[in-house]
Amino acid sequence: MELLRHQQRLATSVSWPTDIDRRLSILVRAAAAAGERTSRAEILAALVTAAEVEPEQLASLLRRYRRLPADALAEDEARDDLPVVPTPGPRRITHS
């Protein structure tokens, strides 16, 4: 049986508020706290598959997001209870 997560990948570009991006990193850290090794892309994929394809539910979710105050995710900044997860990307080469 082929798994959905093993299908061909498509790159996408997302432009969103910095606090939303920070929240995605917090979700990766929360998954790590539960013993899961994951990525930002996998978290987003899981959230998309969890969303109901019901017009009214989706509309309600959108309206709720659109009404959030600018500081709605401010408490995420102080999540010292979650492990630090290294971010992917080029690593610096240090010379000794």
N, C-alpha and C. Protein backbone atom coordinates (compact mmCIF):
# COMPACT_ATOMS: atom_id res chain seq x y z
N MET A 1 0.85 -1.18 0.00
CA MET A 1 0.00 0.00 0.00
C MET A 1 0.89 1.24 0.00
N GLU A 2 0.67 2.12 -0.96
CA GLU A 2 1.42 3.37 -1.01
C GLU A 2 0.81 4.35 -0.01
N LEU A 3 1.67 5.05 0.69
CA LEU A 3 1.21 6.04 1.66
C LEU A 3 1.14 7.41 1.02
N LEU A 4 0.17 8.19 1.43
CA LEU A 4 0.00 9.54 0.92
C LEU A 4 1.28 10.36 1.08
N ARG A 5 1.94 10.21 2.21
CA ARG A 5 3.13 11.01 2.48
C ARG A 5 4.31 10.66 1.58
N HIS A 6 4.21 9.55 0.84
CA HIS A 6 5.28 9.15 -0.06
C HIS A 6 5.01 9.52 -1.52
N GLN A 7 3.91 10.18 -1.76
CA GLN A 7 3.62 10.60 -3.13
C GLN A 7 4.61 11.66 -3.59
N GLN A 8 4.62 11.91 -4.89
CA GLN A 8 5.48 12.94 -5.46
C GLN A 8 5.22 14.27 -4.75
N ARG A 9 6.26 15.02 -4.52
CA ARG A 9 6.16 16.29 -3.80
C ARG A 9 6.04 17.46 -4.75
N LEU A 10 5.36 18.48 -4.27
CA LEU A 10 5.19 19.73 -5.00
C LEU A 10 5.60 20.86 -4.06
N ALA A 11 6.50 21.69 -4.52
CA ALA A 11 6.94 22.83 -3.70
C ALA A 11 5.91 23.94 -3.81
N THR A 12 5.69 24.62 -2.72
CA THR A 12 4.77 25.74 -2.70
C THR A 12 5.38 26.88 -1.91
N SER A 13 4.92 28.05 -2.17
CA SER A 13 5.41 29.22 -1.46
C SER A 13 4.24 29.82 -0.68
N VAL A 14 4.48 30.10 0.58
CA VAL A 14 3.43 30.66 1.43
C VAL A 14 3.90 31.98 1.99
N SER A 15 3.05 32.96 1.90
CA SER A 15 3.34 34.26 2.48
C SER A 15 2.31 34.51 3.56
N TRP A 16 2.78 34.66 4.80
CA TRP A 16 1.86 34.85 5.92
C TRP A 16 2.53 35.65 7.02
N PRO A 17 1.77 36.08 8.02
CA PRO A 17 2.34 36.87 9.11
C PRO A 17 3.46 36.12 9.85
N THR A 18 4.43 36.87 10.33
CA THR A 18 5.56 36.26 11.03
C THR A 18 5.13 35.46 12.25
N ASP A 19 4.09 35.89 12.95
CA ASP A 19 3.64 35.13 14.12
C ASP A 19 3.07 33.77 13.72
N ILE A 20 2.49 33.67 12.54
CA ILE A 20 1.99 32.38 12.05
C ILE A 20 3.19 31.47 11.76
N ASP A 21 4.22 32.02 11.15
CA ASP A 21 5.42 31.24 10.86
C ASP A 21 6.06 30.75 12.16
N ARG A 22 6.12 31.63 13.14
CA ARG A 22 6.66 31.27 14.45
C ARG A 22 5.81 30.16 15.08
N ARG A 23 4.48 30.25 14.92
CA ARG A 23 3.58 29.23 15.47
C ARG A 23 3.84 27.87 14.84
N LEU A 24 4.13 27.84 13.55
CA LEU A 24 4.45 26.58 12.88
C LEU A 24 5.70 25.95 13.49
N SER A 25 6.69 26.76 13.79
CA SER A 25 7.89 26.25 14.45
C SER A 25 7.57 25.72 15.85
N ILE A 26 6.67 26.37 16.55
CA ILE A 26 6.24 25.90 17.87
C ILE A 26 5.55 24.54 17.74
N LEU A 27 4.75 24.36 16.70
CA LEU A 27 4.08 23.08 16.48
C LEU A 27 5.09 21.96 16.22
N VAL A 28 6.16 22.26 15.50
CA VAL A 28 7.21 21.27 15.27
C VAL A 28 7.86 20.90 16.61
N ARG A 29 8.10 21.90 17.44
CA ARG A 29 8.68 21.65 18.77
C ARG A 29 7.73 20.84 19.64
N ALA A 30 6.43 21.11 19.55
CA ALA A 30 5.45 20.35 20.34
C ALA A 30 5.42 18.89 19.89
N ALA A 31 5.53 18.66 18.60
CA ALA A 31 5.59 17.29 18.10
C ALA A 31 6.84 16.59 18.62
N ALA A 32 7.96 17.32 18.63
CA ALA A 32 9.21 16.75 19.16
C ALA A 32 9.06 16.40 20.64
N ALA A 33 8.34 17.22 21.38
CA ALA A 33 8.11 16.94 22.81
C ALA A 33 7.32 15.65 22.99
N ALA A 34 6.52 15.29 21.99
CA ALA A 34 5.74 14.05 22.04
C ALA A 34 6.51 12.88 21.43
N GLY A 35 7.77 13.12 21.08
CA GLY A 35 8.61 12.05 20.55
C GLY A 35 8.56 11.89 19.04
N GLU A 36 7.97 12.85 18.34
CA GLU A 36 7.86 12.78 16.89
C GLU A 36 8.97 13.57 16.21
N ARG A 37 9.61 12.97 15.24
CA ARG A 37 10.55 13.69 14.37
C ARG A 37 9.76 14.10 13.14
N THR A 38 9.65 15.38 12.91
CA THR A 38 8.82 15.85 11.82
C THR A 38 9.40 17.12 11.23
N SER A 39 8.69 17.68 10.30
CA SER A 39 9.13 18.91 9.65
C SER A 39 7.96 19.88 9.57
N ARG A 40 8.28 21.12 9.23
CA ARG A 40 7.24 22.12 9.05
C ARG A 40 6.29 21.68 7.93
N ALA A 41 6.85 21.14 6.85
CA ALA A 41 6.03 20.69 5.72
C ALA A 41 5.08 19.56 6.14
N GLU A 42 5.57 18.64 6.95
CA GLU A 42 4.72 17.53 7.38
C GLU A 42 3.62 18.01 8.32
N ILE A 43 3.94 18.96 9.19
CA ILE A 43 2.91 19.54 10.07
C ILE A 43 1.83 20.20 9.22
N LEU A 44 2.22 21.00 8.24
CA LEU A 44 1.24 21.65 7.36
C LEU A 44 0.40 20.62 6.62
N ALA A 45 1.03 19.58 6.11
CA ALA A 45 0.29 18.53 5.40
C ALA A 45 -0.73 17.86 6.32
N ALA A 46 -0.32 17.59 7.56
CA ALA A 46 -1.24 16.96 8.52
C ALA A 46 -2.43 17.88 8.82
N LEU A 47 -2.15 19.17 8.97
CA LEU A 47 -3.23 20.12 9.25
C LEU A 47 -4.20 20.24 8.07
N VAL A 48 -3.66 20.24 6.85
CA VAL A 48 -4.52 20.32 5.66
C VAL A 48 -5.39 19.07 5.55
N THR A 49 -4.82 17.90 5.80
CA THR A 49 -5.63 16.68 5.70
C THR A 49 -6.66 16.58 6.82
N ALA A 50 -6.41 17.24 7.95
CA ALA A 50 -7.35 17.20 9.07
C ALA A 50 -8.53 18.15 8.87
N ALA A 51 -8.39 19.11 7.98
CA ALA A 51 -9.46 20.08 7.75
C ALA A 51 -10.64 19.41 7.05
N GLU A 52 -11.82 19.72 7.53
CA GLU A 52 -13.04 19.20 6.91
C GLU A 52 -13.32 19.92 5.60
N VAL A 53 -13.77 19.20 4.61
CA VAL A 53 -14.13 19.81 3.33
C VAL A 53 -15.63 20.11 3.37
N GLU A 54 -15.98 20.90 4.34
CA GLU A 54 -17.37 21.35 4.54
C GLU A 54 -17.37 22.86 4.40
N PRO A 55 -18.07 23.41 3.41
CA PRO A 55 -18.02 24.85 3.16
C PRO A 55 -18.27 25.72 4.39
N GLU A 56 -19.29 25.42 5.15
CA GLU A 56 -19.61 26.27 6.31
C GLU A 56 -18.56 26.17 7.41
N GLN A 57 -18.02 24.98 7.63
CA GLN A 57 -16.97 24.81 8.64
C GLN A 57 -15.71 25.56 8.22
N LEU A 58 -15.37 25.47 6.94
CA LEU A 58 -14.20 26.18 6.44
C LEU A 58 -14.41 27.69 6.52
N ALA A 59 -15.59 28.15 6.16
CA ALA A 59 -15.90 29.58 6.24
C ALA A 59 -15.81 30.07 7.68
N SER A 60 -16.29 29.28 8.61
CA SER A 60 -16.22 29.65 10.03
C SER A 60 -14.77 29.73 10.49
N LEU A 61 -13.96 28.79 10.08
CA LEU A 61 -12.54 28.79 10.42
C LEU A 61 -11.86 30.05 9.87
N LEU A 62 -12.15 30.39 8.64
CA LEU A 62 -11.58 31.60 8.03
C LEU A 62 -12.00 32.86 8.76
N ARG A 63 -13.28 32.94 9.09
CA ARG A 63 -13.77 34.13 9.80
C ARG A 63 -13.12 34.26 11.17
N ARG A 64 -12.95 33.14 11.86
CA ARG A 64 -12.31 33.15 13.17
C ARG A 64 -10.86 33.63 13.05
N TYR A 65 -10.14 33.14 12.06
CA TYR A 65 -8.76 33.58 11.83
C TYR A 65 -8.70 35.07 11.52
N ARG A 66 -9.57 35.53 10.67
CA ARG A 66 -9.57 36.93 10.25
C ARG A 66 -9.86 37.90 11.39
N ARG A 67 -10.49 37.43 12.45
CA ARG A 67 -10.82 38.29 13.59
C ARG A 67 -9.79 38.23 14.71
N LEU A 68 -8.77 37.41 14.57
CA LEU A 68 -7.77 37.30 15.63
C LEU A 68 -7.01 38.62 15.80
N PRO A 69 -6.83 39.06 17.05
CA PRO A 69 -6.04 40.27 17.27
C PRO A 69 -4.56 39.99 16.97
N ALA A 70 -3.81 41.05 16.72
CA ALA A 70 -2.39 40.93 16.35
C ALA A 70 -1.57 40.17 17.39
N ASP A 71 -1.96 40.23 18.65
CA ASP A 71 -1.20 39.57 19.71
C ASP A 71 -1.78 38.20 20.09
N ALA A 72 -2.59 37.62 19.24
CA ALA A 72 -3.27 36.35 19.55
C ALA A 72 -2.31 35.21 19.85
N LEU A 73 -1.14 35.23 19.27
CA LEU A 73 -0.18 34.14 19.47
C LEU A 73 1.00 34.55 20.34
N ALA A 74 0.87 35.66 21.02
CA ALA A 74 1.98 36.21 21.82
C ALA A 74 2.48 35.25 22.88
N GLU A 75 1.60 34.46 23.47
CA GLU A 75 2.04 33.55 24.53
C GLU A 75 2.94 32.44 24.00
N ASP A 76 2.92 32.21 22.70
CA ASP A 76 3.81 31.20 22.12
C ASP A 76 5.28 31.53 22.33
N GLU A 77 5.59 32.82 22.46
CA GLU A 77 6.97 33.25 22.61
C GLU A 77 7.65 32.63 23.83
N ALA A 78 6.89 32.34 24.85
CA ALA A 78 7.45 31.87 26.13
C ALA A 78 7.31 30.36 26.29
N ARG A 79 7.45 29.58 25.24
CA ARG A 79 7.30 28.13 25.35
C ARG A 79 8.63 27.46 25.66
N ASP A 80 9.14 27.74 26.85
CA ASP A 80 10.40 27.14 27.28
C ASP A 80 10.23 25.67 27.64
N ASP A 81 8.99 25.19 27.71
CA ASP A 81 8.72 23.81 28.05
C ASP A 81 8.90 22.86 26.87
N LEU A 82 9.13 23.41 25.68
CA LEU A 82 9.28 22.59 24.49
C LEU A 82 10.75 22.51 24.09
N PRO A 83 11.15 21.36 23.52
CA PRO A 83 12.55 21.23 23.13
C PRO A 83 12.89 22.15 21.96
N VAL A 84 14.16 22.49 21.87
CA VAL A 84 14.65 23.26 20.72
C VAL A 84 14.90 22.28 19.60
N VAL A 85 14.38 22.59 18.43
CA VAL A 85 14.55 21.73 17.27
C VAL A 85 15.39 22.48 16.25
N PRO A 86 16.50 21.90 15.82
CA PRO A 86 17.34 22.59 14.84
C PRO A 86 16.57 22.80 13.54
N THR A 87 16.75 23.95 12.95
CA THR A 87 16.08 24.24 11.69
C THR A 87 16.93 23.70 10.55
N PRO A 88 16.26 23.18 9.51
CA PRO A 88 17.02 22.66 8.37
C PRO A 88 17.64 23.81 7.57
N GLY A 89 18.60 23.47 6.78
CA GLY A 89 19.23 24.47 5.94
C GLY A 89 20.73 24.34 5.99
N PRO A 90 21.39 25.21 5.28
CA PRO A 90 22.86 25.13 5.25
C PRO A 90 23.46 25.36 6.62
N ARG A 91 24.45 24.59 6.93
CA ARG A 91 25.13 24.74 8.21
C ARG A 91 26.41 25.53 7.99
N ARG A 92 26.75 26.32 8.97
CA ARG A 92 27.99 27.08 8.90
C ARG A 92 29.18 26.15 9.10
N ILE A 93 30.19 26.39 8.33
CA ILE A 93 31.43 25.64 8.50
C ILE A 93 32.34 26.47 9.38
N THR A 94 32.76 25.89 10.48
CA THR A 94 33.67 26.60 11.38
C THR A 94 35.06 26.01 11.22
N HIS A 95 36.00 26.87 11.17
CA HIS A 95 37.40 26.44 11.04
C HIS A 95 38.08 26.57 12.39
N SER A 96 38.76 25.53 12.76
CA SER A 96 39.45 25.54 14.05
C SER A 96 40.88 25.97 13.90
